[in-house]
Each structure stands twice: as structure tokens, then as C-alpha cells.
C-alpha atoms as a PDB file:
ATOM      1  CA  UNK A   1      -1.350  18.461   6.004  1.00  0.00           C
ATOM      2  CA  UNK A   2      -1.296  15.239   4.378  1.00  0.00           C
ATOM      3  CA  UNK A   3      -4.394  12.908   4.289  1.00  0.00           C
ATOM      4  CA  UNK A   4      -4.617   9.869   6.220  1.00  0.00           C
ATOM      5  CA  UNK A   5      -4.443   7.798   2.961  1.00  0.00           C
ATOM      6  CA  UNK A   6      -1.251   9.923   1.929  1.00  0.00           C
ATOM      7  CA  UNK A   7       0.350   9.312   5.853  1.00  0.00           C
ATOM      8  CA  UNK A   8      -0.542   5.532   6.048  1.00  0.00           C
ATOM      9  CA  UNK A   9       0.730   4.705   2.425  1.00  0.00           C
ATOM     10  CA  UNK A  10       3.987   6.403   3.045  1.00  0.00           C
ATOM     11  CA  UNK A  11       4.524   5.302   6.354  1.00  0.00           C
ATOM     12  CA  UNK A  12       3.380   1.979   6.328  1.00  0.00           C
ATOM     13  CA  UNK A  13       5.239  -1.103   7.694  1.00  0.00           C
ATOM     14  CA  UNK A  14       4.084  -4.425   8.497  1.00  0.00           C
ATOM     15  CA  UNK A  15       4.805  -4.083  12.018  1.00  0.00           C
ATOM     16  CA  UNK A  16       2.457  -1.061  12.191  1.00  0.00           C
ATOM     17  CA  UNK A  17      -1.363  -1.816  13.364  1.00  0.00           C
ATOM     18  CA  UNK A  18      -3.301  -1.408  10.323  1.00  0.00           C
ATOM     19  CA  UNK A  19      -6.461  -2.688  11.666  1.00  0.00           C
ATOM     20  CA  UNK A  20      -7.569   0.698  12.988  1.00  0.00           C
ATOM     21  CA  UNK A  21      -7.702   1.830   9.299  1.00  0.00           C
ATOM     22  CA  UNK A  22     -11.471   2.073   8.090  1.00  0.00           C
ATOM     23  CA  UNK A  23     -11.653  -0.592   5.305  1.00  0.00           C
ATOM     24  CA  UNK A  24     -13.004   2.007   2.622  1.00  0.00           C
ATOM     25  CA  UNK A  25      -9.817   3.781   3.027  1.00  0.00           C
ATOM     26  CA  UNK A  26      -7.958   0.355   2.776  1.00  0.00           C
ATOM     27  CA  UNK A  27      -9.421  -0.328  -0.568  1.00  0.00           C
ATOM     28  CA  UNK A  28      -8.149   3.228  -1.781  1.00  0.00           C
ATOM     29  CA  UNK A  29      -4.876   2.543  -0.426  1.00  0.00           C
ATOM     30  CA  UNK A  30      -4.433  -0.875  -2.007  1.00  0.00           C
ATOM     31  CA  UNK A  31      -5.747   0.699  -5.341  1.00  0.00           C
ATOM     32  CA  UNK A  32      -3.174   3.338  -5.252  1.00  0.00           C
ATOM     33  CA  UNK A  33      -0.352   1.114  -4.169  1.00  0.00           C
ATOM     34  CA  UNK A  34      -1.457  -1.238  -7.341  1.00  0.00           C
ATOM     35  CA  UNK A  35      -0.870   1.802  -9.543  1.00  0.00           C
ATOM     36  CA  UNK A  36       2.567   2.339  -8.409  1.00  0.00           C
ATOM     37  CA  UNK A  37       3.490  -1.090  -8.834  1.00  0.00           C
ATOM     38  CA  UNK A  38       2.315  -1.111 -12.358  1.00  0.00           C
ATOM     39  CA  UNK A  39       4.448   2.097 -12.585  1.00  0.00           C
ATOM     40  CA  UNK A  40       7.579   0.610 -11.353  1.00  0.00           C
ATOM     41  CA  UNK A  41       7.292  -2.135 -13.196  1.00  0.00           C
ATOM     42  CA  UNK A  42       7.158  -0.378 -16.604  1.00  0.00           C
ATOM     43  CA  UNK A  43       9.857   1.485 -15.431  1.00  0.00           C
ATOM     44  CA  UNK A  44      11.821  -1.694 -15.193  1.00  0.00           C
ATOM     45  CA  UNK A  45      11.750  -0.889 -11.374  1.00  0.00           C
ATOM     46  CA  UNK A  46      11.340  -4.597 -10.326  1.00  0.00           C
ATOM     47  CA  UNK A  47      12.757  -3.795  -6.748  1.00  0.00           C
ATOM     48  CA  UNK A  48      10.262  -1.301  -5.672  1.00  0.00           C
ATOM     49  CA  UNK A  49       7.736  -3.216  -7.570  1.00  0.00           C
ATOM     50  CA  UNK A  50       8.288  -6.213  -5.526  1.00  0.00           C
ATOM     51  CA  UNK A  51       8.277  -3.643  -2.198  1.00  0.00           C
ATOM     52  CA  UNK A  52       5.293  -2.456  -3.180  1.00  0.00           C
ATOM     53  CA  UNK A  53       3.771  -5.887  -3.701  1.00  0.00           C
ATOM     54  CA  UNK A  54       4.603  -7.327  -0.420  1.00  0.00           C
ATOM     55  CA  UNK A  55       2.624  -4.260   1.131  1.00  0.00           C
ATOM     56  CA  UNK A  56      -0.418  -4.939  -0.869  1.00  0.00           C
ATOM     57  CA  UNK A  57      -0.413  -8.456   0.181  1.00  0.00           C
ATOM     58  CA  UNK A  58       0.094  -7.470   3.653  1.00  0.00           C
ATOM     59  CA  UNK A  59      -2.872  -5.082   3.437  1.00  0.00           C
ATOM     60  CA  UNK A  60      -4.839  -7.559   1.626  1.00  0.00           C
ATOM     61  CA  UNK A  61      -3.910 -10.078   4.498  1.00  0.00           C
ATOM     62  CA  UNK A  62      -5.425  -7.536   7.411  1.00  0.00           C
ATOM     63  CA  UNK A  63      -8.674  -6.477   5.020  1.00  0.00           C
ATOM     64  CA  UNK A  64      -9.658 -10.225   5.321  1.00  0.00           C
END
């Protein structure tokens, strides 16, 4: 069974209502996504890195 963080990170879409995610969980998700974005960049997978960046920006907007 996946944790809330794993499920949220995998299934995250901009149209989803993520305002119900606890702030501490949101911070962890953003940290994980930042790490994934760095790894994608190191692999020169800039398209994936850009998609992850967009997810991070969306989540940061929700957490404000």
C-alpha cells in the first residue's frame, strides 16, 4: 500500500484539489519532487525536469 506522499506525488495533477493535503506533507512532497527534478536534469531529461518544475510551482502556490 502506498503512503499518502507516494500516492499524491505520483497522481498529482493541476486540477486536483491538493488544499486538503497537510502542510507538512506538502513540504515533503515538494522536497522529493525537487530531488527528482535534479536527477532528471543530471540525466539530461529536461522535459521531465520541466514537468516536475511545473508541479513544484503549482504546489508552492497552493501552500502559500
